[in-house]
C-alpha atoms as a PDB file:
ATOM      1  CA  MET A   1      -4.788  -9.113   5.985  1.00  0.00           C
ATOM      2  CA  THR A   2      -1.955  -7.264   7.669  1.00  0.00           C
ATOM      3  CA  ALA A   3       0.507  -5.203   5.727  1.00  0.00           C
ATOM      4  CA  GLN A   4       3.943  -6.663   5.188  1.00  0.00           C
ATOM      5  CA  THR A   5       7.173  -4.871   4.522  1.00  0.00           C
ATOM      6  CA  ILE A   6       8.594  -7.068   1.778  1.00  0.00           C
ATOM      7  CA  ASP A   7      10.620  -6.941  -1.388  1.00  0.00           C
ATOM      8  CA  THR A   8       8.738  -4.607  -3.723  1.00  0.00           C
ATOM      9  CA  SER A   9      10.109  -6.079  -6.957  1.00  0.00           C
ATOM     10  CA  LYS A  10       6.950  -8.194  -7.442  1.00  0.00           C
ATOM     11  CA  LEU A  11       4.815  -5.058  -7.169  1.00  0.00           C
ATOM     12  CA  TRP A  12       6.873  -3.178  -9.775  1.00  0.00           C
ATOM     13  CA  ASP A  13       7.003  -6.212 -12.070  1.00  0.00           C
ATOM     14  CA  MET A  14       3.209  -6.171 -12.087  1.00  0.00           C
ATOM     15  CA  ILE A  15       2.916  -2.420 -12.727  1.00  0.00           C
ATOM     16  CA  LYS A  16       5.629  -2.060 -15.406  1.00  0.00           C
ATOM     17  CA  ASP A  17       3.520  -3.451 -18.248  1.00  0.00           C
ATOM     18  CA  ILE A  18       0.322  -1.645 -17.244  1.00  0.00           C
ATOM     19  CA  ARG A  19       0.828   1.706 -18.906  1.00  0.00           C
ATOM     20  CA  PHE A  20      -2.184   3.523 -17.479  1.00  0.00           C
ATOM     21  CA  GLY A  21      -3.369   3.876 -13.904  1.00  0.00           C
ATOM     22  CA  MET A  22      -6.582   5.390 -12.640  1.00  0.00           C
ATOM     23  CA  LEU A  23      -5.559   8.219 -10.318  1.00  0.00           C
ATOM     24  CA  THR A  24      -8.197   8.962  -7.681  1.00  0.00           C
ATOM     25  CA  VAL A  25      -8.162  12.331  -5.910  1.00  0.00           C
ATOM     26  CA  ARG A  26     -10.587  14.100  -3.601  1.00  0.00           C
ATOM     27  CA  GLY A  27     -12.146  17.144  -5.258  1.00  0.00           C
ATOM     28  CA  ALA A  28     -12.935  20.455  -3.608  1.00  0.00           C
ATOM     29  CA  ASP A  29     -16.544  19.265  -3.232  1.00  0.00           C
ATOM     30  CA  GLY A  30     -15.366  16.266  -1.175  1.00  0.00           C
ATOM     31  CA  ARG A  31     -16.157  13.721  -3.875  1.00  0.00           C
ATOM     32  CA  LEU A  32     -13.683  11.239  -5.296  1.00  0.00           C
ATOM     33  CA  TYR A  33     -12.651  11.633  -8.930  1.00  0.00           C
ATOM     34  CA  SER A  34     -10.645   9.132 -10.976  1.00  0.00           C
ATOM     35  CA  ARG A  35      -8.761   9.917 -14.167  1.00  0.00           C
ATOM     36  CA  PRO A  36      -6.551   7.777 -16.394  1.00  0.00           C
ATOM     37  CA  MET A  37      -2.907   8.768 -16.169  1.00  0.00           C
ATOM     38  CA  THR A  38       0.230   7.449 -17.856  1.00  0.00           C
ATOM     39  CA  THR A  39       2.806   6.144 -15.411  1.00  0.00           C
ATOM     40  CA  GLN A  40       6.230   7.599 -16.227  1.00  0.00           C
ATOM     41  CA  ASN A  41       8.362   5.233 -14.114  1.00  0.00           C
ATOM     42  CA  GLY A  42      11.218   3.506 -15.862  1.00  0.00           C
ATOM     43  CA  GLU A  43      13.392   0.584 -14.789  1.00  0.00           C
ATOM     44  CA  ALA A  44      15.435   2.903 -12.558  1.00  0.00           C
ATOM     45  CA  ASP A  45      12.292   4.178 -10.794  1.00  0.00           C
ATOM     46  CA  ARG A  46      11.194   1.119  -8.844  1.00  0.00           C
ATOM     47  CA  GLY A  47      11.300   2.615  -5.362  1.00  0.00           C
ATOM     48  CA  GLY A  48       8.518   4.147  -3.339  1.00  0.00           C
ATOM     49  CA  VAL A  49       7.457   6.810  -5.872  1.00  0.00           C
ATOM     50  CA  VAL A  50       5.084   6.667  -8.848  1.00  0.00           C
ATOM     51  CA  TRP A  51       5.686   9.492 -11.346  1.00  0.00           C
ATOM     52  CA  PHE A  52       3.158  11.295 -13.551  1.00  0.00           C
ATOM     53  CA  PHE A  53       3.181  14.296 -15.855  1.00  0.00           C
ATOM     54  CA  MET A  54       0.091  16.497 -15.466  1.00  0.00           C
ATOM     55  CA  SER A  55      -1.168  19.832 -16.635  1.00  0.00           C
ATOM     56  CA  ARG A  56      -0.256  22.407 -14.011  1.00  0.00           C
ATOM     57  CA  SER A  57      -3.466  24.294 -14.870  1.00  0.00           C
ATOM     58  CA  GLY A  58      -5.664  21.158 -14.777  1.00  0.00           C
ATOM     59  CA  GLN A  59      -8.174  20.114 -12.156  1.00  0.00           C
ATOM     60  CA  PRO A  60      -6.235  17.031 -10.956  1.00  0.00           C
ATOM     61  CA  VAL A  61      -3.280  19.198  -9.887  1.00  0.00           C
ATOM     62  CA  ALA A  62      -5.598  21.622  -8.096  1.00  0.00           C
ATOM     63  CA  ASP A  63      -7.324  18.712  -6.359  1.00  0.00           C
ATOM     64  CA  LEU A  64      -4.177  16.911  -5.221  1.00  0.00           C
ATOM     65  CA  THR A  65      -2.599  20.156  -4.075  1.00  0.00           C
ATOM     66  CA  ALA A  66      -5.595  20.763  -1.797  1.00  0.00           C
ATOM     67  CA  SER A  67      -5.913  17.133  -0.697  1.00  0.00           C
ATOM     68  CA  PRO A  68      -2.727  15.125  -1.310  1.00  0.00           C
ATOM     69  CA  ASP A  69      -3.993  11.677  -0.248  1.00  0.00           C
ATOM     70  CA  VAL A  70      -4.499   9.737  -3.485  1.00  0.00           C
ATOM     71  CA  ASN A  71      -4.895   6.243  -4.889  1.00  0.00           C
ATOM     72  CA  VAL A  72      -3.731   4.782  -8.186  1.00  0.00           C
ATOM     73  CA  ALA A  73      -5.407   1.597  -9.416  1.00  0.00           C
ATOM     74  CA  TYR A  74      -3.878  -0.599 -12.114  1.00  0.00           C
ATOM     75  CA  ALA A  75      -5.672  -3.470 -13.838  1.00  0.00           C
ATOM     76  CA  ASP A  76      -4.605  -5.940 -16.487  1.00  0.00           C
ATOM     77  CA  PRO A  77      -7.598  -8.296 -16.848  1.00  0.00           C
ATOM     78  CA  GLU A  78      -5.923 -10.202 -19.670  1.00  0.00           C
ATOM     79  CA  SER A  79      -3.151 -11.422 -17.377  1.00  0.00           C
ATOM     80  CA  ASP A  80      -5.272 -11.191 -14.187  1.00  0.00           C
ATOM     81  CA  LYS A  81      -3.025  -8.671 -12.419  1.00  0.00           C
ATOM     82  CA  TYR A  82      -4.470  -5.933 -10.223  1.00  0.00           C
ATOM     83  CA  VAL A  83      -2.651  -3.337  -8.117  1.00  0.00           C
ATOM     84  CA  SER A  84      -3.869  -0.562  -5.817  1.00  0.00           C
ATOM     85  CA  VAL A  85      -1.368   2.047  -4.621  1.00  0.00           C
ATOM     86  CA  SER A  86      -2.122   4.642  -1.952  1.00  0.00           C
ATOM     87  CA  GLY A  87       0.015   7.546  -0.877  1.00  0.00           C
ATOM     88  CA  ALA A  88       0.544  11.284  -0.888  1.00  0.00           C
ATOM     89  CA  ALA A  89       0.932  13.379  -4.033  1.00  0.00           C
ATOM     90  CA  ARG A  90       3.480  16.158  -4.358  1.00  0.00           C
ATOM     91  CA  LEU A  91       4.374  18.608  -7.115  1.00  0.00           C
ATOM     92  CA  ILE A  92       8.095  18.280  -7.725  1.00  0.00           C
ATOM     93  CA  GLU A  93      10.136  21.067  -9.282  1.00  0.00           C
ATOM     94  CA  ASP A  94      13.035  19.076 -10.721  1.00  0.00           C
ATOM     95  CA  PRO A  95      14.012  19.829 -14.342  1.00  0.00           C
ATOM     96  CA  VAL A  96      16.556  16.980 -14.349  1.00  0.00           C
ATOM     97  CA  LYS A  97      13.911  14.419 -13.313  1.00  0.00           C
ATOM     98  CA  LYS A  98      11.481  15.817 -15.901  1.00  0.00           C
ATOM     99  CA  GLN A  99      14.109  15.339 -18.596  1.00  0.00           C
ATOM    100  CA  GLU A 100      14.899  11.836 -17.353  1.00  0.00           C
ATOM    101  CA  LEU A 101      11.221  10.783 -17.495  1.00  0.00           C
ATOM    102  CA  TRP A 102      10.341  12.656 -20.706  1.00  0.00           C
ATOM    103  CA  SER A 103       9.164  10.673 -23.720  1.00  0.00           C
ATOM    104  CA  GLU A 104       7.947  11.616 -27.182  1.00  0.00           C
ATOM    105  CA  ALA A 105       4.491  10.331 -26.187  1.00  0.00           C
ATOM    106  CA  ALA A 106       4.294  13.074 -23.545  1.00  0.00           C
ATOM    107  CA  LYS A 107       4.686  15.658 -26.318  1.00  0.00           C
ATOM    108  CA  ALA A 108       1.092  14.905 -27.389  1.00  0.00           C
ATOM    109  CA  TRP A 109      -0.022  16.616 -24.176  1.00  0.00           C
ATOM    110  CA  PHE A 110       2.772  19.145 -23.743  1.00  0.00           C
ATOM    111  CA  GLN A 111       3.655  20.760 -27.069  1.00  0.00           C
ATOM    112  CA  GLY A 112       6.413  22.829 -25.469  1.00  0.00           C
ATOM    113  CA  GLY A 113       8.280  19.655 -24.536  1.00  0.00           C
ATOM    114  CA  VAL A 114      10.025  19.218 -21.240  1.00  0.00           C
ATOM    115  CA  GLU A 115      10.297  23.026 -20.964  1.00  0.00           C
ATOM    116  CA  ASP A 116       6.507  23.525 -21.301  1.00  0.00           C
ATOM    117  CA  PRO A 117       5.456  25.851 -18.445  1.00  0.00           C
ATOM    118  CA  ASP A 118       2.223  23.843 -18.012  1.00  0.00           C
ATOM    119  CA  LEU A 119       4.128  20.583 -17.450  1.00  0.00           C
ATOM    120  CA  ALA A 120       3.880  19.541 -13.802  1.00  0.00           C
ATOM    121  CA  LEU A 121       5.873  16.633 -12.434  1.00  0.00           C
ATOM    122  CA  VAL A 122       3.838  14.802  -9.811  1.00  0.00           C
ATOM    123  CA  ALA A 123       5.272  12.233  -7.427  1.00  0.00           C
ATOM    124  CA  ILE A 124       3.010   9.832  -5.583  1.00  0.00           C
ATOM    125  CA  LEU A 125       4.913   8.913  -2.429  1.00  0.00           C
ATOM    126  CA  VAL A 126       3.641   5.382  -1.949  1.00  0.00           C
ATOM    127  CA  ALA A 127       2.648   4.526   1.604  1.00  0.00           C
ATOM    128  CA  GLU A 128       1.065   1.173   0.886  1.00  0.00           C
ATOM    129  CA  ALA A 129       0.174  -1.003  -2.065  1.00  0.00           C
ATOM    130  CA  GLU A 130      -1.992  -4.051  -2.454  1.00  0.00           C
ATOM    131  CA  TYR A 131      -1.899  -6.517  -5.299  1.00  0.00           C
ATOM    132  CA  TRP A 132      -3.720  -9.541  -6.615  1.00  0.00           C
ATOM    133  CA  ASP A 133      -1.913 -11.805  -9.054  1.00  0.00           C
ATOM    134  CA  VAL A 134      -4.139 -14.597 -10.342  1.00  0.00           C
ATOM    135  CA  LYS A 135      -2.095 -17.664 -11.227  1.00  0.00           C
ATOM    136  CA  THR A 136      -4.864 -20.146 -12.005  1.00  0.00           C
ATOM    137  CA  SER A 137      -6.309 -20.600 -15.493  1.00  0.00           C
ATOM    138  CA  LYS A 138      -9.760 -19.298 -16.400  1.00  0.00           C
ATOM    139  CA  PRO A 139     -11.326 -22.805 -16.384  1.00  0.00           C
ATOM    140  CA  VAL A 140      -9.893 -23.475 -12.901  1.00  0.00           C
ATOM    141  CA  GLN A 141     -11.156 -20.087 -11.695  1.00  0.00           C
ATOM    142  CA  ILE A 142     -14.646 -20.834 -13.014  1.00  0.00           C
ATOM    143  CA  PHE A 143     -14.607 -24.263 -11.379  1.00  0.00           C
ATOM    144  CA  LYS A 144     -13.504 -22.862  -8.002  1.00  0.00           C
ATOM    145  CA  LEU A 145     -16.099 -20.083  -8.150  1.00  0.00           C
ATOM    146  CA  ALA A 146     -18.866 -22.532  -9.080  1.00  0.00           C
ATOM    147  CA  LYS A 147     -17.814 -24.855  -6.272  1.00  0.00           C
ATOM    148  CA  ALA A 148     -17.848 -21.940  -3.827  1.00  0.00           C
ATOM    149  CA  ALA A 149     -21.334 -20.940  -4.981  1.00  0.00           C
ATOM    150  CA  LEU A 150     -22.599 -24.486  -4.432  1.00  0.00           C
ATOM    151  CA  THR A 151     -20.900 -25.097  -1.081  1.00  0.00           C
ATOM    152  CA  GLY A 152     -21.198 -21.599   0.367  1.00  0.00           C
ATOM    153  CA  GLU A 153     -17.464 -21.620   1.150  1.00  0.00           C
ATOM    154  CA  GLU A 154     -15.217 -18.870  -0.142  1.00  0.00           C
ATOM    155  CA  PRO A 155     -12.928 -19.906  -2.990  1.00  0.00           C
ATOM    156  CA  THR A 156      -9.302 -20.359  -2.007  1.00  0.00           C
ATOM    157  CA  ASP A 157      -6.028 -20.133  -3.864  1.00  0.00           C
ATOM    158  CA  LEU A 158      -7.376 -18.038  -6.729  1.00  0.00           C
ATOM    159  CA  ALA A 159      -4.677 -15.372  -6.499  1.00  0.00           C
ATOM    160  CA  GLU A 160      -1.574 -14.271  -4.684  1.00  0.00           C
ATOM    161  CA  HIS A 161      -2.786 -11.349  -2.579  1.00  0.00           C
ATOM    162  CA  ARG A 162      -0.378  -9.140  -0.664  1.00  0.00           C
ATOM    163  CA  ARG A 163      -0.375  -5.769   1.031  1.00  0.00           C
ATOM    164  CA  VAL A 164       3.005  -4.037   0.872  1.00  0.00           C
ATOM    165  CA  ARG A 165       4.031  -1.209   3.213  1.00  0.00           C
ATOM    166  CA  MET A 166       6.464   1.140   1.514  1.00  0.00           C
ATOM    167  CA  ARG A 167       7.230   3.574   4.331  1.00  0.00           C
END
């Protein structure tokens, strides 16, 4: 499938209700490590950036500083929505943006609030995203998969699948 530059509203509509993404970074040892992170984007942040708060002293920040190419995977099995976002991570020093994205839930991790010196604002500059949005019911999915297993032909029309180029 080739990447398309299209309206990204569908992508953000899928992500907005999935609170946690699995952020994958390359560690100093060359291995890939994934950690659950809370997406901070609000309605106004539906462009080409995914925002996270992280511990400045934590391993994920050290890893992404050394190797900024990252991936964030989102999954909502209940509604059959899946999104994979790839891009470059950057530490952003912007107190106004921190304040804008701050929530009381973040205080569980950063006791000093938005002024906490350990609070790092991380922007994932999205290069490309891919999503799968399954529209068929579970019984139809099972039927199509069983049919494919019997006929040896790949199942079709199980999900809307798109690759979106952001920059």
